[in-house]
Amino acid sequence: MSAARHLLIVYHTQTGHTRRMARAVLRGSRRVVEVETRLKMALRAGLDDLLWADGLLLGTPENFGYMSGALKNFLDRTYYPAQGQISGLPYAVFISAGNDGTGALTSIERIARGYPLKPVADPIIARGELTAEVLQRCEELGEMMASGVAWGIF
């Protein structure tokens, strides 16, 4: 492998559940030493982070059946400046939901199509309290994304 590859995890949390999921995703991604992973809170992530990335993971709580305002803010701030520079960037989503999480997922998918980003994994939606099984799935998601980025699978 000649050039370093990069994975960006952008998330927002209210109760701490999405943070726990994001950290599990990070743990999994770090199993792939060929990839550098950057974990950023949504309000601190920006265009430079997005342009740096070869893969993207988005994490959010479900707020009123929608993604968090902070994640929406990240997507709003980077959408127009990123046009033509990240087409086909592979991405996946993890959501901490009090209800079913589908509204948050649908809103992210709609915006992702506009970039356009390429979905490469089924979303993880944790409904209610986090379980060890959900956190394990998050670790697997991080490892899978990092592996795909490392080997140019996506």
Protein backbone atom coordinates (compact mmCIF):
# COMPACT_ATOMS: atom_id res chain seq x y z
CA MET A 1 0.00 0.00 0.00
CA SER A 2 1.49 3.29 -1.03
CA ALA A 3 -0.61 6.13 0.39
CA ALA A 4 -2.18 6.36 3.81
CA ARG A 5 -5.92 5.82 3.82
CA HIS A 6 -8.34 7.69 6.08
CA LEU A 7 -11.63 6.98 7.81
CA LEU A 8 -13.72 9.76 9.36
CA ILE A 9 -16.30 9.15 12.09
CA VAL A 10 -18.62 12.13 12.65
CA TYR A 11 -21.20 11.90 15.41
CA HIS A 12 -23.38 13.80 17.85
CA THR A 13 -24.65 12.61 21.20
CA GLN A 14 -27.25 13.79 23.70
CA THR A 15 -27.38 11.07 26.33
CA GLY A 16 -23.99 9.49 25.67
CA HIS A 17 -25.37 6.47 23.81
CA THR A 18 -24.18 7.64 20.39
CA ARG A 19 -20.76 8.47 21.90
CA ARG A 20 -20.50 4.88 23.16
CA MET A 21 -21.46 3.62 19.72
CA ALA A 22 -18.91 5.95 18.07
CA ARG A 23 -16.15 4.76 20.38
CA ALA A 24 -17.03 1.15 19.58
CA VAL A 25 -16.85 1.97 15.86
CA LEU A 26 -13.45 3.59 16.51
CA ARG A 27 -12.18 0.51 18.39
CA GLY A 28 -13.11 -1.67 15.46
CA SER A 29 -11.53 0.64 12.90
CA ARG A 30 -8.25 0.68 14.82
CA ARG A 31 -7.87 -3.05 14.26
CA VAL A 32 -6.92 -2.12 10.70
CA VAL A 33 -3.49 -0.55 11.09
CA GLU A 34 -3.29 0.54 7.45
CA VAL A 35 -6.00 3.16 8.03
CA GLU A 36 -5.85 6.34 10.09
CA THR A 37 -9.18 7.03 11.79
CA ARG A 38 -10.37 10.43 12.95
CA LEU A 39 -13.27 10.69 15.44
CA LYS A 40 -14.98 14.09 15.45
CA MET A 41 -18.01 15.59 17.13
CA ALA A 42 -20.33 16.90 14.41
CA LEU A 43 -20.02 20.56 15.42
CA ARG A 44 -16.22 20.32 15.32
CA ALA A 45 -15.94 18.43 12.03
CA GLY A 46 -15.62 20.43 8.85
CA LEU A 47 -14.85 20.41 5.16
CA ASP A 48 -11.14 19.69 5.66
CA ASP A 49 -12.03 16.54 7.61
CA LEU A 50 -14.45 15.42 4.94
CA LEU A 51 -11.99 16.02 2.09
CA TRP A 52 -9.32 14.11 4.07
CA ALA A 53 -11.55 11.02 4.32
CA ASP A 54 -11.60 7.94 2.10
CA GLY A 55 -14.60 6.62 4.05
CA LEU A 56 -17.23 8.18 6.33
CA LEU A 57 -19.27 6.94 9.27
CA LEU A 58 -22.13 9.10 10.54
CA GLY A 59 -23.60 8.66 14.02
CA THR A 60 -26.60 10.41 15.50
CA PRO A 61 -29.30 10.12 18.09
CA GLU A 62 -32.85 10.15 16.83
CA ASN A 63 -34.34 13.55 17.69
CA PHE A 64 -38.06 13.96 17.04
CA GLY A 65 -37.83 11.32 14.31
CA TYR A 66 -34.89 13.07 12.62
CA MET A 67 -31.09 13.18 12.81
CA SER A 68 -29.56 15.52 15.40
CA GLY A 69 -29.33 19.20 14.55
CA ALA A 70 -25.54 19.01 15.01
CA LEU A 71 -25.16 16.27 12.39
CA LYS A 72 -27.49 18.17 10.05
CA ASN A 73 -25.31 21.25 10.65
CA PHE A 74 -22.19 19.30 9.60
CA LEU A 75 -23.91 18.10 6.44
CA ASP A 76 -25.24 21.60 5.68
CA ARG A 77 -21.83 23.24 6.16
CA THR A 78 -20.00 20.76 3.94
CA TYR A 79 -22.57 20.01 1.23
CA TYR A 80 -21.93 22.79 -1.29
CA PRO A 81 -18.18 23.19 -0.70
CA ALA A 82 -17.69 19.41 -1.14
CA GLN A 83 -19.60 19.17 -4.43
CA GLY A 84 -17.54 17.44 -7.09
CA GLN A 85 -14.81 16.49 -4.62
CA ILE A 86 -16.21 13.47 -2.76
CA SER A 87 -18.55 11.79 -5.24
CA GLY A 88 -18.90 8.13 -4.38
CA LEU A 89 -17.30 8.43 -0.93
CA PRO A 90 -18.30 5.24 0.93
CA TYR A 91 -20.38 5.78 4.04
CA ALA A 92 -22.41 4.01 6.70
CA VAL A 93 -24.67 5.12 9.56
CA PHE A 94 -25.22 4.28 13.22
CA ILE A 95 -28.19 5.64 15.18
CA SER A 96 -29.26 5.61 18.81
CA ALA A 97 -33.05 5.69 18.74
CA GLY A 98 -35.75 6.04 21.33
CA ASN A 99 -38.33 5.01 18.75
CA ASP A 100 -37.59 3.20 15.51
CA GLY A 101 -34.82 5.39 14.04
CA THR A 102 -36.18 5.25 10.51
CA GLY A 103 -36.84 8.98 10.27
CA ALA A 104 -33.24 9.79 11.18
CA LEU A 105 -31.98 7.20 8.71
CA THR A 106 -34.23 8.41 5.89
CA SER A 107 -33.11 12.02 6.34
CA ILE A 108 -29.41 11.05 6.26
CA GLU A 109 -29.90 8.84 3.21
CA ARG A 110 -31.69 11.62 1.34
CA ILE A 111 -28.85 14.08 1.94
CA ALA A 112 -26.19 11.44 1.22
CA ARG A 113 -27.70 10.83 -2.23
CA GLY A 114 -27.25 14.53 -2.97
CA TYR A 115 -23.49 14.60 -2.26
CA PRO A 116 -23.47 11.78 -3.68
CA LEU A 117 -22.12 9.35 -1.11
CA LYS A 118 -22.10 5.58 -1.61
CA PRO A 119 -23.79 3.44 1.07
CA VAL A 120 -21.65 0.37 1.77
CA ALA A 121 -23.16 -1.22 4.89
CA ASP A 122 -26.52 -1.71 6.51
CA PRO A 123 -27.22 0.91 9.16
CA ILE A 124 -27.03 0.04 12.82
CA ILE A 125 -30.05 1.31 14.73
CA ALA A 126 -29.93 0.79 18.48
CA ARG A 127 -33.46 1.06 19.84
CA GLY A 128 -33.63 1.89 23.54
CA GLU A 129 -30.76 0.97 25.84
CA LEU A 130 -27.44 -0.06 24.32
CA THR A 131 -26.58 -3.72 24.56
CA ALA A 132 -23.28 -5.55 24.29
CA GLU A 133 -24.55 -7.00 21.00
CA VAL A 134 -25.14 -3.54 19.52
CA LEU A 135 -21.71 -2.33 20.61
CA GLN A 136 -20.15 -5.47 19.09
CA ARG A 137 -21.94 -4.72 15.82
CA CYS A 138 -20.55 -1.17 15.97
CA GLU A 139 -17.02 -2.53 16.38
CA GLU A 140 -17.59 -4.82 13.42
CA LEU A 141 -18.87 -1.89 11.36
CA GLY A 142 -15.75 0.13 12.14
CA GLU A 143 -13.47 -2.76 11.25
CA MET A 144 -15.37 -3.49 8.04
CA MET A 145 -15.27 0.15 6.93
CA ALA A 146 -11.56 0.48 7.70
CA SER A 147 -10.82 -2.77 5.87
CA GLY A 148 -12.81 -1.68 2.85
CA VAL A 149 -11.01 1.66 2.80
CA ALA A 150 -7.59 0.02 3.29
CA TRP A 151 -8.00 -2.41 0.44
CA GLY A 152 -9.95 -0.15 -1.93
CA ILE A 153 -12.97 -2.45 -1.91
CA PHE A 154 -15.50 0.39 -2.02
